[in-house]
Amino acid sequence: MDTPNANYDQPWKEAIEEYLESFLEFFFPQVHSLIDWSKGYESLDKELQQITPTGSSGAREGDKLFQVWQRNGDETYILIHIEVQSQEDPEFSERMYVYHYRSFDINKKVISLAILGDDRPSWRPKSYSYELADCGVTFKFPTAKLIDYESQWSTLQESRNPLAFLVMAHLRTKATTGQAEERETRKWELVQNLYQRGYTENDIIQLFRLLDWMMTLPESLQQSFDTKLQQYQEERKMPILSNIERRAMEAGRQEGRQEGMLQTARSAVLEVLTVRFNSVPLDLTNRVNQIADIAILKDLLKRAISIGS
């Protein structure tokens, strides 16, 4: 039975955004100790786009940039890369360096970190350097290799850090590539372990959602898994998200993103018309705001820009 492609980047990205403090405490305790967590942190998607290397199609799915404050009061950025490709990426270290030095474009000092989620023990990039004549540069960055935690499985099982559970999910997902029945078995074991870790109800819900998102199953196995899960939930009187509910949530997010794009396009059309004609009749404004096709709005924007040109 074929197993659907696993989803690694998005669950990791959401986990880091939700649990940044726990993430750094688990993987990079030295960095964690520098930060004043009482001041919180902020995810910086716009700034991440600014330091994305020129010529790139945009920030990679697994990249995250955060604003934090050190204990001494200094503002600092933390850039995190998630690398889960199965093949070696010879440009990874260079890309880390490019992101890092481009942070100076926004006048910020950045701590660059990398999570390596591949299954190659020997691939451990940790620096980038070059030298030409008497000119050279060396850039070092901390990394965490997820397969190193395979030998610490019992410790992962007992840890209450949410990232310990996500590492378990990642490792079991990797280990069951192309083995649908085995993945279903390992996924069920993780669900049972999830209830035994002493997490809050909110953490159980969040972590199950990430587990379910990452450990994809064929539809037939997913249906039987959902049935078993429902019975398990009823016995413990603690509901967690089913796959069907997660899909509904994702559909809602997609609709939200689509509506946001539509509203931006509508506003752009009306703004250009206002600049061209000083004002826009109310009935025309209402008609533009009722358009639900992004292609039509883009065409209207082109026409509005070209009027009188």
C-alpha atoms as a PDB file:
ATOM      1  CA  MET A   1       0.000   0.000   0.000  1.00  0.00           C
ATOM      2  CA  ASP A   2       1.431   3.351  -1.065  1.00  0.00           C
ATOM      3  CA  THR A   3       2.078   5.909   1.659  1.00  0.00           C
ATOM      4  CA  PRO A   4       1.354   9.593   0.864  1.00  0.00           C
ATOM      5  CA  ASN A   5       4.336  11.914   0.990  1.00  0.00           C
ATOM      6  CA  ALA A   6       5.019  13.050   4.526  1.00  0.00           C
ATOM      7  CA  ASN A   7       4.783  16.738   5.372  1.00  0.00           C
ATOM      8  CA  TYR A   8       7.775  17.869   7.419  1.00  0.00           C
ATOM      9  CA  ASP A   9       8.348  21.575   6.795  1.00  0.00           C
ATOM     10  CA  GLN A  10       4.969  22.991   7.770  1.00  0.00           C
ATOM     11  CA  PRO A  11       4.523  21.036  11.032  1.00  0.00           C
ATOM     12  CA  TRP A  12       8.046  21.995  12.090  1.00  0.00           C
ATOM     13  CA  LYS A  13       7.486  25.617  11.128  1.00  0.00           C
ATOM     14  CA  GLU A  14       4.267  25.813  13.152  1.00  0.00           C
ATOM     15  CA  ALA A  15       5.815  23.977  16.102  1.00  0.00           C
ATOM     16  CA  ILE A  16       8.708  26.429  16.273  1.00  0.00           C
ATOM     17  CA  GLU A  17       6.373  29.414  16.103  1.00  0.00           C
ATOM     18  CA  GLU A  18       4.120  27.968  18.813  1.00  0.00           C
ATOM     19  CA  TYR A  19       6.908  26.641  21.045  1.00  0.00           C
ATOM     20  CA  LEU A  20       9.982  28.786  20.358  1.00  0.00           C
ATOM     21  CA  GLU A  21      11.063  28.855  24.002  1.00  0.00           C
ATOM     22  CA  SER A  22      10.735  25.068  24.342  1.00  0.00           C
ATOM     23  CA  PHE A  23      12.455  24.614  20.975  1.00  0.00           C
ATOM     24  CA  LEU A  24      15.554  26.556  22.014  1.00  0.00           C
ATOM     25  CA  GLU A  25      15.599  24.970  25.469  1.00  0.00           C
ATOM     26  CA  PHE A  26      15.598  21.512  23.868  1.00  0.00           C
ATOM     27  CA  PHE A  27      18.015  21.998  20.956  1.00  0.00           C
ATOM     28  CA  PHE A  28      20.070  25.105  21.755  1.00  0.00           C
ATOM     29  CA  PRO A  29      20.122  25.692  25.539  1.00  0.00           C
ATOM     30  CA  GLN A  30      22.967  28.210  25.302  1.00  0.00           C
ATOM     31  CA  VAL A  31      20.853  30.433  23.051  1.00  0.00           C
ATOM     32  CA  HIS A  32      17.809  29.862  25.260  1.00  0.00           C
ATOM     33  CA  SER A  33      19.687  31.144  28.307  1.00  0.00           C
ATOM     34  CA  LEU A  34      20.517  34.449  26.580  1.00  0.00           C
ATOM     35  CA  ILE A  35      16.886  35.446  26.092  1.00  0.00           C
ATOM     36  CA  ASP A  36      14.547  37.343  28.397  1.00  0.00           C
ATOM     37  CA  TRP A  37      11.413  35.270  27.826  1.00  0.00           C
ATOM     38  CA  SER A  38       9.280  37.607  29.939  1.00  0.00           C
ATOM     39  CA  LYS A  39       9.320  40.010  26.975  1.00  0.00           C
ATOM     40  CA  GLY A  40       7.925  37.425  24.574  1.00  0.00           C
ATOM     41  CA  TYR A  41       8.918  37.072  20.934  1.00  0.00           C
ATOM     42  CA  GLU A  42       7.578  37.958  17.499  1.00  0.00           C
ATOM     43  CA  SER A  43       7.604  36.065  14.206  1.00  0.00           C
ATOM     44  CA  LEU A  44       8.945  38.284  11.395  1.00  0.00           C
ATOM     45  CA  ASP A  45       7.752  36.986   8.020  1.00  0.00           C
ATOM     46  CA  LYS A  46       8.120  40.364   6.266  1.00  0.00           C
ATOM     47  CA  GLU A  47      11.696  40.827   7.463  1.00  0.00           C
ATOM     48  CA  LEU A  48      12.510  37.245   6.443  1.00  0.00           C
ATOM     49  CA  GLN A  49      11.524  38.106   2.884  1.00  0.00           C
ATOM     50  CA  GLN A  50      13.888  41.092   3.008  1.00  0.00           C
ATOM     51  CA  ILE A  51      16.909  38.919   3.768  1.00  0.00           C
ATOM     52  CA  THR A  52      15.971  36.127   1.362  1.00  0.00           C
ATOM     53  CA  PRO A  53      18.837  35.781  -1.157  1.00  0.00           C
ATOM     54  CA  THR A  54      18.380  37.634  -4.439  1.00  0.00           C
ATOM     55  CA  GLY A  55      17.123  35.342  -7.184  1.00  0.00           C
ATOM     56  CA  SER A  56      15.364  33.047  -4.720  1.00  0.00           C
ATOM     57  CA  SER A  57      11.676  32.357  -5.255  1.00  0.00           C
ATOM     58  CA  GLY A  58      11.035  33.394  -1.670  1.00  0.00           C
ATOM     59  CA  ALA A  59      11.729  32.213   1.813  1.00  0.00           C
ATOM     60  CA  ARG A  60      11.855  28.441   2.005  1.00  0.00           C
ATOM     61  CA  GLU A  61       8.987  26.637   3.720  1.00  0.00           C
ATOM     62  CA  GLY A  62      11.110  25.658   6.702  1.00  0.00           C
ATOM     63  CA  ASP A  63      12.707  29.045   7.430  1.00  0.00           C
ATOM     64  CA  LYS A  64      11.599  31.200  10.350  1.00  0.00           C
ATOM     65  CA  LEU A  65      12.828  34.545  11.687  1.00  0.00           C
ATOM     66  CA  PHE A  66      12.038  35.782  15.201  1.00  0.00           C
ATOM     67  CA  GLN A  67      12.589  38.956  17.173  1.00  0.00           C
ATOM     68  CA  VAL A  68      13.638  38.388  20.797  1.00  0.00           C
ATOM     69  CA  TRP A  69      15.305  40.369  23.568  1.00  0.00           C
ATOM     70  CA  GLN A  70      18.433  39.319  25.397  1.00  0.00           C
ATOM     71  CA  ARG A  71      18.663  39.478  29.176  1.00  0.00           C
ATOM     72  CA  ASN A  72      20.886  42.554  28.800  1.00  0.00           C
ATOM     73  CA  GLY A  73      18.044  44.325  26.966  1.00  0.00           C
ATOM     74  CA  ASP A  74      19.489  44.092  23.433  1.00  0.00           C
ATOM     75  CA  GLU A  75      17.094  43.289  20.610  1.00  0.00           C
ATOM     76  CA  THR A  76      18.190  40.215  18.626  1.00  0.00           C
ATOM     77  CA  TYR A  77      16.924  38.222  15.670  1.00  0.00           C
ATOM     78  CA  ILE A  78      16.984  34.422  15.554  1.00  0.00           C
ATOM     79  CA  LEU A  79      16.960  32.778  12.131  1.00  0.00           C
ATOM     80  CA  ILE A  80      16.060  29.078  12.052  1.00  0.00           C
ATOM     81  CA  HIS A  81      16.448  26.785   9.046  1.00  0.00           C
ATOM     82  CA  ILE A  82      14.750  23.384   8.826  1.00  0.00           C
ATOM     83  CA  GLU A  83      16.438  21.023   6.360  1.00  0.00           C
ATOM     84  CA  VAL A  84      14.684  17.687   5.797  1.00  0.00           C
ATOM     85  CA  GLN A  85      15.650  16.786   2.237  1.00  0.00           C
ATOM     86  CA  SER A  86      16.872  13.211   1.775  1.00  0.00           C
ATOM     87  CA  GLN A  87      19.712  14.227  -0.519  1.00  0.00           C
ATOM     88  CA  GLU A  88      22.728  16.306   0.406  1.00  0.00           C
ATOM     89  CA  ASP A  89      22.496  19.989  -0.396  1.00  0.00           C
ATOM     90  CA  PRO A  90      25.978  21.253  -1.277  1.00  0.00           C
ATOM     91  CA  GLU A  91      24.724  24.848  -1.129  1.00  0.00           C
ATOM     92  CA  PHE A  92      23.243  24.614   2.367  1.00  0.00           C
ATOM     93  CA  SER A  93      26.197  26.158   4.226  1.00  0.00           C
ATOM     94  CA  GLU A  94      26.507  28.938   1.665  1.00  0.00           C
ATOM     95  CA  ARG A  95      22.790  29.660   1.935  1.00  0.00           C
ATOM     96  CA  MET A  96      23.120  29.903   5.714  1.00  0.00           C
ATOM     97  CA  TYR A  97      25.929  32.422   5.243  1.00  0.00           C
ATOM     98  CA  VAL A  98      24.016  34.479   2.678  1.00  0.00           C
ATOM     99  CA  TYR A  99      20.949  34.748   4.914  1.00  0.00           C
ATOM    100  CA  HIS A 100      23.197  35.734   7.798  1.00  0.00           C
ATOM    101  CA  TYR A 101      25.121  38.523   6.082  1.00  0.00           C
ATOM    102  CA  ARG A 102      21.973  39.882   4.435  1.00  0.00           C
ATOM    103  CA  SER A 103      20.621  40.535   7.914  1.00  0.00           C
ATOM    104  CA  PHE A 104      22.905  43.564   7.920  1.00  0.00           C
ATOM    105  CA  ASP A 105      20.605  45.019   5.238  1.00  0.00           C
ATOM    106  CA  ILE A 106      18.029  45.508   7.973  1.00  0.00           C
ATOM    107  CA  ASN A 107      20.653  46.557  10.535  1.00  0.00           C
ATOM    108  CA  LYS A 108      20.156  43.554  12.778  1.00  0.00           C
ATOM    109  CA  LYS A 109      22.472  41.002  14.292  1.00  0.00           C
ATOM    110  CA  VAL A 110      21.192  37.472  13.822  1.00  0.00           C
ATOM    111  CA  ILE A 111      21.749  34.146  15.549  1.00  0.00           C
ATOM    112  CA  SER A 112      21.531  31.549  12.762  1.00  0.00           C
ATOM    113  CA  LEU A 113      20.526  27.999  13.715  1.00  0.00           C
ATOM    114  CA  ALA A 114      19.819  24.861  11.684  1.00  0.00           C
ATOM    115  CA  ILE A 115      17.800  21.695  12.257  1.00  0.00           C
ATOM    116  CA  LEU A 116      18.923  18.776  10.080  1.00  0.00           C
ATOM    117  CA  GLY A 117      16.110  16.264   9.644  1.00  0.00           C
ATOM    118  CA  ASP A 118      17.695  14.001   7.027  1.00  0.00           C
ATOM    119  CA  ASP A 119      18.793  10.402   7.577  1.00  0.00           C
ATOM    120  CA  ARG A 120      22.496  10.692   6.620  1.00  0.00           C
ATOM    121  CA  PRO A 121      24.732  10.422   9.702  1.00  0.00           C
ATOM    122  CA  SER A 122      27.796  11.800   7.917  1.00  0.00           C
ATOM    123  CA  TRP A 123      26.215  15.019   6.581  1.00  0.00           C
ATOM    124  CA  ARG A 124      26.785  17.648   9.267  1.00  0.00           C
ATOM    125  CA  PRO A 125      27.314  21.128   7.788  1.00  0.00           C
ATOM    126  CA  LYS A 126      28.338  23.607  10.457  1.00  0.00           C
ATOM    127  CA  SER A 127      30.377  26.299   8.722  1.00  0.00           C
ATOM    128  CA  TYR A 128      31.004  28.166   5.499  1.00  0.00           C
ATOM    129  CA  SER A 129      34.294  29.695   4.437  1.00  0.00           C
ATOM    130  CA  TYR A 130      36.206  30.904   1.440  1.00  0.00           C
ATOM    131  CA  GLU A 131      39.546  32.550   0.868  1.00  0.00           C
ATOM    132  CA  LEU A 132      40.929  34.434  -2.086  1.00  0.00           C
ATOM    133  CA  ALA A 133      44.441  35.859  -1.960  1.00  0.00           C
ATOM    134  CA  ASP A 134      44.717  37.444   1.497  1.00  0.00           C
ATOM    135  CA  CYS A 135      40.955  37.948   1.814  1.00  0.00           C
ATOM    136  CA  GLY A 136      38.719  35.369   3.456  1.00  0.00           C
ATOM    137  CA  VAL A 137      35.723  34.749   5.669  1.00  0.00           C
ATOM    138  CA  THR A 138      34.594  31.966   7.984  1.00  0.00           C
ATOM    139  CA  PHE A 139      31.037  31.632   9.257  1.00  0.00           C
ATOM    140  CA  LYS A 140      30.018  29.069  11.887  1.00  0.00           C
ATOM    141  CA  PHE A 141      26.476  28.088  12.850  1.00  0.00           C
ATOM    142  CA  PRO A 142      25.063  25.656  15.446  1.00  0.00           C
ATOM    143  CA  THR A 143      23.091  22.656  14.177  1.00  0.00           C
ATOM    144  CA  ALA A 144      20.956  19.898  15.679  1.00  0.00           C
ATOM    145  CA  LYS A 145      20.821  16.526  13.913  1.00  0.00           C
ATOM    146  CA  LEU A 146      17.525  14.772  14.580  1.00  0.00           C
ATOM    147  CA  ILE A 147      18.740  11.219  13.955  1.00  0.00           C
ATOM    148  CA  ASP A 148      21.124  11.651  16.893  1.00  0.00           C
ATOM    149  CA  TYR A 149      18.076  11.439  19.153  1.00  0.00           C
ATOM    150  CA  GLU A 150      17.184   7.935  17.965  1.00  0.00           C
ATOM    151  CA  SER A 151      19.589   6.532  20.554  1.00  0.00           C
ATOM    152  CA  GLN A 152      17.858   8.627  23.237  1.00  0.00           C
ATOM    153  CA  TRP A 153      14.365   7.260  22.640  1.00  0.00           C
ATOM    154  CA  SER A 154      13.558   6.474  26.279  1.00  0.00           C
ATOM    155  CA  THR A 155      14.589  10.008  27.246  1.00  0.00           C
ATOM    156  CA  LEU A 156      12.358  11.432  24.516  1.00  0.00           C
ATOM    157  CA  GLN A 157       9.430   9.355  25.773  1.00  0.00           C
ATOM    158  CA  GLU A 158       9.769  10.711  29.299  1.00  0.00           C
ATOM    159  CA  SER A 159      10.418  14.354  28.412  1.00  0.00           C
ATOM    160  CA  ARG A 160       7.630  16.884  28.859  1.00  0.00           C
ATOM    161  CA  ASN A 161       9.195  19.262  26.344  1.00  0.00           C
ATOM    162  CA  PRO A 162       6.793  19.449  23.348  1.00  0.00           C
ATOM    163  CA  LEU A 163       9.748  19.315  20.958  1.00  0.00           C
ATOM    164  CA  ALA A 164      10.760  15.896  22.285  1.00  0.00           C
ATOM    165  CA  PHE A 165       7.429  14.542  21.061  1.00  0.00           C
ATOM    166  CA  LEU A 166       7.816  16.208  17.669  1.00  0.00           C
ATOM    167  CA  VAL A 167      11.288  14.662  17.286  1.00  0.00           C
ATOM    168  CA  MET A 168       9.725  11.256  17.958  1.00  0.00           C
ATOM    169  CA  ALA A 169       7.079  11.915  15.307  1.00  0.00           C
ATOM    170  CA  HIS A 170       9.739  13.025  12.818  1.00  0.00           C
ATOM    171  CA  LEU A 171      11.929   9.974  13.391  1.00  0.00           C
ATOM    172  CA  ARG A 172       9.040   7.522  13.129  1.00  0.00           C
ATOM    173  CA  THR A 173       7.772   9.233   9.994  1.00  0.00           C
ATOM    174  CA  LYS A 174      11.198   8.949   8.363  1.00  0.00           C
ATOM    175  CA  ALA A 175      11.577   5.320   9.445  1.00  0.00           C
ATOM    176  CA  THR A 176       8.238   4.296   7.903  1.00  0.00           C
ATOM    177  CA  THR A 177       8.629   5.895   4.485  1.00  0.00           C
ATOM    178  CA  GLY A 178       6.862   3.614   2.002  1.00  0.00           C
ATOM    179  CA  GLN A 179       5.495   1.387   4.810  1.00  0.00           C
ATOM    180  CA  ALA A 180       1.892   2.436   5.326  1.00  0.00           C
ATOM    181  CA  GLU A 181       0.837  -0.287   7.798  1.00  0.00           C
ATOM    182  CA  GLU A 182       3.989   0.174   9.875  1.00  0.00           C
ATOM    183  CA  ARG A 183       3.447   3.932   9.923  1.00  0.00           C
ATOM    184  CA  GLU A 184      -0.108   3.478  11.172  1.00  0.00           C
ATOM    185  CA  THR A 185       1.199   1.265  13.989  1.00  0.00           C
ATOM    186  CA  ARG A 186       3.912   3.742  14.997  1.00  0.00           C
ATOM    187  CA  LYS A 187       1.507   6.652  14.762  1.00  0.00           C
ATOM    188  CA  TRP A 188      -0.903   4.924  17.114  1.00  0.00           C
ATOM    189  CA  GLU A 189       1.906   4.245  19.600  1.00  0.00           C
ATOM    190  CA  LEU A 190       2.756   7.946  19.567  1.00  0.00           C
ATOM    191  CA  VAL A 191      -0.866   8.927  20.180  1.00  0.00           C
ATOM    192  CA  GLN A 192      -0.957   6.684  23.243  1.00  0.00           C
ATOM    193  CA  ASN A 193       2.337   8.136  24.450  1.00  0.00           C
ATOM    194  CA  LEU A 194       0.975  11.647  23.922  1.00  0.00           C
ATOM    195  CA  TYR A 195      -1.697  11.074  26.573  1.00  0.00           C
ATOM    196  CA  GLN A 196       0.862   9.786  29.073  1.00  0.00           C
ATOM    197  CA  ARG A 197       3.293  12.709  29.034  1.00  0.00           C
ATOM    198  CA  GLY A 198       1.550  15.085  31.402  1.00  0.00           C
ATOM    199  CA  TYR A 199       0.862  17.749  28.780  1.00  0.00           C
ATOM    200  CA  THR A 200      -1.953  20.248  29.111  1.00  0.00           C
ATOM    201  CA  GLU A 201      -5.075  19.613  27.064  1.00  0.00           C
ATOM    202  CA  ASN A 202      -4.098  22.457  24.730  1.00  0.00           C
ATOM    203  CA  ASP A 203      -0.647  20.952  24.144  1.00  0.00           C
ATOM    204  CA  ILE A 204      -2.179  17.538  23.461  1.00  0.00           C
ATOM    205  CA  ILE A 205      -4.454  19.074  20.841  1.00  0.00           C
ATOM    206  CA  GLN A 206      -1.635  21.082  19.241  1.00  0.00           C
ATOM    207  CA  LEU A 207       0.843  18.198  19.191  1.00  0.00           C
ATOM    208  CA  PHE A 208      -1.659  15.713  17.840  1.00  0.00           C
ATOM    209  CA  ARG A 209      -2.485  18.116  15.033  1.00  0.00           C
ATOM    210  CA  LEU A 210       1.211  18.349  14.122  1.00  0.00           C
ATOM    211  CA  LEU A 211       1.641  14.570  14.391  1.00  0.00           C
ATOM    212  CA  ASP A 212      -1.383  13.927  12.195  1.00  0.00           C
ATOM    213  CA  TRP A 213      -0.178  16.497   9.680  1.00  0.00           C
ATOM    214  CA  MET A 214       3.291  14.970   9.477  1.00  0.00           C
ATOM    215  CA  MET A 215       2.536  11.221   9.613  1.00  0.00           C
ATOM    216  CA  THR A 216       0.305  10.966   6.551  1.00  0.00           C
ATOM    217  CA  LEU A 217      -1.602   7.726   5.894  1.00  0.00           C
ATOM    218  CA  PRO A 218      -3.523   6.329   2.908  1.00  0.00           C
ATOM    219  CA  GLU A 219      -7.222   7.152   3.124  1.00  0.00           C
ATOM    220  CA  SER A 220      -8.286   3.599   4.022  1.00  0.00           C
ATOM    221  CA  LEU A 221      -5.838   3.394   6.928  1.00  0.00           C
ATOM    222  CA  GLN A 222      -6.663   6.932   8.018  1.00  0.00           C
ATOM    223  CA  GLN A 223     -10.336   6.040   8.307  1.00  0.00           C
ATOM    224  CA  SER A 224      -9.655   3.035  10.534  1.00  0.00           C
ATOM    225  CA  PHE A 225      -7.180   5.142  12.535  1.00  0.00           C
ATOM    226  CA  ASP A 226      -9.831   7.828  13.090  1.00  0.00           C
ATOM    227  CA  THR A 227     -12.322   5.214  14.290  1.00  0.00           C
ATOM    228  CA  LYS A 228      -9.833   3.797  16.769  1.00  0.00           C
ATOM    229  CA  LEU A 229      -8.906   7.305  17.869  1.00  0.00           C
ATOM    230  CA  GLN A 230     -12.531   8.244  18.487  1.00  0.00           C
ATOM    231  CA  GLN A 231     -13.008   5.245  20.767  1.00  0.00           C
ATOM    232  CA  TYR A 232      -9.780   6.045  22.595  1.00  0.00           C
ATOM    233  CA  GLN A 233     -10.856   9.641  23.134  1.00  0.00           C
ATOM    234  CA  GLU A 234     -14.249   8.634  24.495  1.00  0.00           C
ATOM    235  CA  GLU A 235     -12.630   6.303  27.022  1.00  0.00           C
ATOM    236  CA  ARG A 236     -10.430   9.116  28.341  1.00  0.00           C
ATOM    237  CA  LYS A 237     -12.969  11.909  27.952  1.00  0.00           C
ATOM    238  CA  MET A 238     -10.379  14.184  26.354  1.00  0.00           C
ATOM    239  CA  PRO A 239     -11.045  14.999  22.704  1.00  0.00           C
ATOM    240  CA  ILE A 240      -8.281  15.783  20.247  1.00  0.00           C
ATOM    241  CA  LEU A 241      -8.538  16.802  16.636  1.00  0.00           C
ATOM    242  CA  SER A 242      -9.434  14.112  14.141  1.00  0.00           C
ATOM    243  CA  ASN A 243      -8.025  14.119  10.648  1.00  0.00           C
ATOM    244  CA  ILE A 244     -11.384  15.279   9.311  1.00  0.00           C
ATOM    245  CA  GLU A 245     -11.429  18.241  11.699  1.00  0.00           C
ATOM    246  CA  ARG A 246      -7.846  19.112  10.770  1.00  0.00           C
ATOM    247  CA  ARG A 247      -8.765  19.125   7.097  1.00  0.00           C
ATOM    248  CA  ALA A 248     -11.645  21.454   7.872  1.00  0.00           C
ATOM    249  CA  MET A 249      -9.255  23.763   9.736  1.00  0.00           C
ATOM    250  CA  GLU A 250      -6.835  23.774   6.823  1.00  0.00           C
ATOM    251  CA  ALA A 251      -9.677  24.495   4.407  1.00  0.00           C
ATOM    252  CA  GLY A 252     -10.661  27.414   6.609  1.00  0.00           C
ATOM    253  CA  ARG A 253      -7.108  28.739   6.601  1.00  0.00           C
ATOM    254  CA  GLN A 254      -6.958  28.436   2.830  1.00  0.00           C
ATOM    255  CA  GLU A 255     -10.243  30.300   2.498  1.00  0.00           C
ATOM    256  CA  GLY A 256      -8.877  32.973   4.810  1.00  0.00           C
ATOM    257  CA  ARG A 257      -5.732  33.366   2.740  1.00  0.00           C
ATOM    258  CA  GLN A 258      -7.815  33.520  -0.450  1.00  0.00           C
ATOM    259  CA  GLU A 259     -10.116  36.161   1.036  1.00  0.00           C
ATOM    260  CA  GLY A 260      -7.079  38.173   2.088  1.00  0.00           C
ATOM    261  CA  MET A 261      -5.708  38.076  -1.454  1.00  0.00           C
ATOM    262  CA  LEU A 262      -9.076  39.127  -2.861  1.00  0.00           C
ATOM    263  CA  GLN A 263      -9.372  42.052  -0.462  1.00  0.00           C
ATOM    264  CA  THR A 264      -5.852  43.220  -1.293  1.00  0.00           C
ATOM    265  CA  ALA A 265      -6.620  43.068  -5.021  1.00  0.00           C
ATOM    266  CA  ARG A 266      -9.917  44.933  -4.584  1.00  0.00           C
ATOM    267  CA  SER A 267      -8.204  47.659  -2.571  1.00  0.00           C
ATOM    268  CA  ALA A 268      -5.499  48.025  -5.222  1.00  0.00           C
ATOM    269  CA  VAL A 269      -8.065  48.515  -7.997  1.00  0.00           C
ATOM    270  CA  LEU A 270     -10.009  51.109  -6.002  1.00  0.00           C
ATOM    271  CA  GLU A 271      -6.859  52.948  -4.955  1.00  0.00           C
ATOM    272  CA  VAL A 272      -5.651  53.303  -8.552  1.00  0.00           C
ATOM    273  CA  LEU A 273      -9.096  54.496  -9.673  1.00  0.00           C
ATOM    274  CA  THR A 274      -9.129  57.046  -6.848  1.00  0.00           C
ATOM    275  CA  VAL A 275      -5.722  58.382  -7.907  1.00  0.00           C
ATOM    276  CA  ARG A 276      -6.857  58.597 -11.528  1.00  0.00           C
ATOM    277  CA  PHE A 277     -10.282  60.174 -10.963  1.00  0.00           C
ATOM    278  CA  ASN A 278     -10.049  61.675  -7.429  1.00  0.00           C
ATOM    279  CA  SER A 279     -13.102  59.695  -6.326  1.00  0.00           C
ATOM    280  CA  VAL A 280     -14.902  56.446  -7.142  1.00  0.00           C
ATOM    281  CA  PRO A 281     -18.723  56.250  -7.291  1.00  0.00           C
ATOM    282  CA  LEU A 282     -20.245  54.210  -4.464  1.00  0.00           C
ATOM    283  CA  ASP A 283     -21.993  51.796  -6.820  1.00  0.00           C
ATOM    284  CA  LEU A 284     -18.687  51.064  -8.594  1.00  0.00           C
ATOM    285  CA  THR A 285     -16.952  50.540  -5.248  1.00  0.00           C
ATOM    286  CA  ASN A 286     -19.654  48.058  -4.259  1.00  0.00           C
ATOM    287  CA  ARG A 287     -19.350  46.214  -7.564  1.00  0.00           C
ATOM    288  CA  VAL A 288     -15.568  45.899  -7.219  1.00  0.00           C
ATOM    289  CA  ASN A 289     -15.938  44.650  -3.647  1.00  0.00           C
ATOM    290  CA  GLN A 290     -18.296  41.916  -4.847  1.00  0.00           C
ATOM    291  CA  ILE A 291     -15.810  40.461  -7.348  1.00  0.00           C
ATOM    292  CA  ALA A 292     -14.557  37.091  -6.086  1.00  0.00           C
ATOM    293  CA  ASP A 293     -12.263  36.174  -8.972  1.00  0.00           C
ATOM    294  CA  ILE A 294      -8.622  37.165  -8.490  1.00  0.00           C
ATOM    295  CA  ALA A 295      -7.935  36.955 -12.242  1.00  0.00           C
ATOM    296  CA  ILE A 296     -10.693  39.485 -13.008  1.00  0.00           C
ATOM    297  CA  LEU A 297      -9.359  41.842 -10.350  1.00  0.00           C
ATOM    298  CA  LYS A 298      -5.840  41.605 -11.762  1.00  0.00           C
ATOM    299  CA  ASP A 299      -7.185  42.436 -15.225  1.00  0.00           C
ATOM    300  CA  LEU A 300      -9.120  45.404 -13.841  1.00  0.00           C
ATOM    301  CA  LEU A 301      -5.993  46.650 -12.089  1.00  0.00           C
ATOM    302  CA  LYS A 302      -4.029  46.553 -15.349  1.00  0.00           C
ATOM    303  CA  ARG A 303      -6.795  48.483 -17.110  1.00  0.00           C
ATOM    304  CA  ALA A 304      -7.047  51.029 -14.297  1.00  0.00           C
ATOM    305  CA  ILE A 305      -3.304  51.654 -14.434  1.00  0.00           C
ATOM    306  CA  SER A 306      -3.332  52.071 -18.213  1.00  0.00           C
ATOM    307  CA  ILE A 307      -6.221  54.559 -18.303  1.00  0.00           C
ATOM    308  CA  GLY A 308      -4.960  57.885 -19.586  1.00  0.00           C
ATOM    309  CA  SER A 309      -1.412  56.551 -20.092  1.00  0.00           C
END
